[in-house]
Amino acid sequence: MHQEGWNISKYRTRYGTSLRKMVKKIEICQHPKYTCSLCGKTKMKTQAMGQAMGIWHCGSCMKTVAGGACTYNSTSAVTIKSSEDLRN
């Protein structure tokens, strides 16, 4: 039985288990909408994957920002932002 929202049948037995699990993790975290840090609404979505990874666009305030490849806030970006907050 597979989880809702992810089509496991598109890979079937190809590519091996570990790669399919990695792709599943990436696809699940890419598709939900994230909260925009500029306007506070839950409208932040990733742009088209074939063109550019890590480009996020808010449908509410129409701002485009760079973020992580599969999540809006990458771990390195959070670390840098917290160190900047400590300096100020």
C-alpha atoms as a PDB file:
ATOM      1  CA  MET A   1       0.000   0.000   0.000  1.00  0.00           C
ATOM      2  CA  HIS A   2       1.449   3.385  -0.955  1.00  0.00           C
ATOM      3  CA  GLN A   3       0.983   6.767   0.663  1.00  0.00           C
ATOM      4  CA  GLU A   4      -1.590   9.198  -0.628  1.00  0.00           C
ATOM      5  CA  GLY A   5      -0.303  11.826  -3.038  1.00  0.00           C
ATOM      6  CA  TRP A   6       2.713   9.973  -4.393  1.00  0.00           C
ATOM      7  CA  ASN A   7       2.519   7.733  -7.436  1.00  0.00           C
ATOM      8  CA  ILE A   8       4.906   4.854  -6.727  1.00  0.00           C
ATOM      9  CA  SER A   9       3.925   2.962  -9.875  1.00  0.00           C
ATOM     10  CA  LYS A  10       5.817   5.339 -12.147  1.00  0.00           C
ATOM     11  CA  TYR A  11       9.156   3.796 -11.054  1.00  0.00           C
ATOM     12  CA  ARG A  12       8.058   0.180 -10.330  1.00  0.00           C
ATOM     13  CA  THR A  13      11.180  -1.991  -9.950  1.00  0.00           C
ATOM     14  CA  ARG A  14      13.559   0.327 -11.757  1.00  0.00           C
ATOM     15  CA  TYR A  15      16.441   2.283 -10.205  1.00  0.00           C
ATOM     16  CA  GLY A  16      16.662   0.394  -6.886  1.00  0.00           C
ATOM     17  CA  THR A  17      15.024   0.874  -3.525  1.00  0.00           C
ATOM     18  CA  SER A  18      17.354   3.484  -2.049  1.00  0.00           C
ATOM     19  CA  LEU A  19      17.079   5.801  -5.059  1.00  0.00           C
ATOM     20  CA  ARG A  20      13.288   5.457  -5.156  1.00  0.00           C
ATOM     21  CA  LYS A  21      13.103   6.346  -1.442  1.00  0.00           C
ATOM     22  CA  MET A  22      15.325   9.396  -1.997  1.00  0.00           C
ATOM     23  CA  VAL A  23      13.196  10.591  -4.923  1.00  0.00           C
ATOM     24  CA  LYS A  24      10.027  10.014  -2.880  1.00  0.00           C
ATOM     25  CA  LYS A  25      11.383  12.153  -0.025  1.00  0.00           C
ATOM     26  CA  ILE A  26      12.319  14.968  -2.427  1.00  0.00           C
ATOM     27  CA  GLU A  27       9.002  14.885  -4.303  1.00  0.00           C
ATOM     28  CA  ILE A  28       6.938  14.909  -1.105  1.00  0.00           C
ATOM     29  CA  CYS A  29       8.739  17.963   0.311  1.00  0.00           C
ATOM     30  CA  GLN A  30       8.592  19.879  -2.990  1.00  0.00           C
ATOM     31  CA  HIS A  31       4.882  19.748  -3.664  1.00  0.00           C
ATOM     32  CA  PRO A  32       3.294  21.288  -0.551  1.00  0.00           C
ATOM     33  CA  LYS A  33       2.878  25.031  -0.226  1.00  0.00           C
ATOM     34  CA  TYR A  34       5.085  26.795   2.303  1.00  0.00           C
ATOM     35  CA  THR A  35       4.476  29.993   4.296  1.00  0.00           C
ATOM     36  CA  CYS A  36       5.892  33.103   2.646  1.00  0.00           C
ATOM     37  CA  SER A  37       8.365  34.938   4.884  1.00  0.00           C
ATOM     38  CA  LEU A  38       7.466  38.267   3.253  1.00  0.00           C
ATOM     39  CA  CYS A  39       3.652  38.340   3.431  1.00  0.00           C
ATOM     40  CA  GLY A  40       2.939  35.460   5.850  1.00  0.00           C
ATOM     41  CA  LYS A  41       0.473  33.602   3.608  1.00  0.00           C
ATOM     42  CA  THR A  42       0.716  29.924   2.668  1.00  0.00           C
ATOM     43  CA  LYS A  43       1.274  30.498  -1.046  1.00  0.00           C
ATOM     44  CA  MET A  44       5.001  29.788  -1.569  1.00  0.00           C
ATOM     45  CA  LYS A  45       5.545  27.178  -4.298  1.00  0.00           C
ATOM     46  CA  THR A  46       8.567  26.036  -6.255  1.00  0.00           C
ATOM     47  CA  GLN A  47       9.011  27.123  -9.879  1.00  0.00           C
ATOM     48  CA  ALA A  48       9.272  24.598 -12.725  1.00  0.00           C
ATOM     49  CA  MET A  49      11.913  22.001 -11.888  1.00  0.00           C
ATOM     50  CA  GLY A  50      13.383  21.705 -15.384  1.00  0.00           C
ATOM     51  CA  GLN A  51      14.316  25.370 -15.538  1.00  0.00           C
ATOM     52  CA  ALA A  52      15.813  26.198 -12.150  1.00  0.00           C
ATOM     53  CA  MET A  53      16.074  24.446  -8.808  1.00  0.00           C
ATOM     54  CA  GLY A  54      15.707  26.467  -5.644  1.00  0.00           C
ATOM     55  CA  ILE A  55      13.553  29.246  -7.100  1.00  0.00           C
ATOM     56  CA  TRP A  56      10.417  29.856  -5.027  1.00  0.00           C
ATOM     57  CA  HIS A  57       7.467  32.090  -5.965  1.00  0.00           C
ATOM     58  CA  CYS A  58       4.706  33.470  -3.736  1.00  0.00           C
ATOM     59  CA  GLY A  59       1.305  33.511  -5.443  1.00  0.00           C
ATOM     60  CA  SER A  60      -0.007  36.183  -3.068  1.00  0.00           C
ATOM     61  CA  CYS A  61       2.619  38.928  -3.022  1.00  0.00           C
ATOM     62  CA  MET A  62       4.166  37.843  -6.376  1.00  0.00           C
ATOM     63  CA  LYS A  63       7.717  37.871  -4.971  1.00  0.00           C
ATOM     64  CA  THR A  64      10.324  35.402  -6.202  1.00  0.00           C
ATOM     65  CA  VAL A  65      13.111  34.306  -3.855  1.00  0.00           C
ATOM     66  CA  ALA A  66      15.947  31.795  -3.830  1.00  0.00           C
ATOM     67  CA  GLY A  67      15.746  28.957  -1.344  1.00  0.00           C
ATOM     68  CA  GLY A  68      16.696  25.345  -0.982  1.00  0.00           C
ATOM     69  CA  ALA A  69      16.344  22.878  -3.826  1.00  0.00           C
ATOM     70  CA  CYS A  70      13.510  20.854  -2.311  1.00  0.00           C
ATOM     71  CA  THR A  71      12.475  22.942   0.704  1.00  0.00           C
ATOM     72  CA  TYR A  72      11.890  26.660   1.016  1.00  0.00           C
ATOM     73  CA  ASN A  73      14.376  27.070   3.870  1.00  0.00           C
ATOM     74  CA  SER A  74      17.523  24.989   3.524  1.00  0.00           C
ATOM     75  CA  THR A  75      19.534  24.107   6.631  1.00  0.00           C
ATOM     76  CA  SER A  76      22.478  26.270   5.577  1.00  0.00           C
ATOM     77  CA  ALA A  77      20.191  29.265   4.965  1.00  0.00           C
ATOM     78  CA  VAL A  78      18.657  28.901   8.424  1.00  0.00           C
ATOM     79  CA  THR A  79      22.134  28.725   9.986  1.00  0.00           C
ATOM     80  CA  ILE A  80      23.315  31.859   8.176  1.00  0.00           C
ATOM     81  CA  LYS A  81      20.148  33.769   9.054  1.00  0.00           C
ATOM     82  CA  SER A  82      20.414  32.870  12.740  1.00  0.00           C
ATOM     83  CA  SER A  83      24.083  33.926  12.852  1.00  0.00           C
ATOM     84  CA  GLU A  84      23.168  37.267  11.225  1.00  0.00           C
ATOM     85  CA  ASP A  85      20.434  37.792  13.840  1.00  0.00           C
ATOM     86  CA  LEU A  86      22.962  37.195  16.626  1.00  0.00           C
ATOM     87  CA  ARG A  87      25.328  39.815  15.184  1.00  0.00           C
ATOM     88  CA  ASN A  88      22.611  42.489  15.100  1.00  0.00           C
END
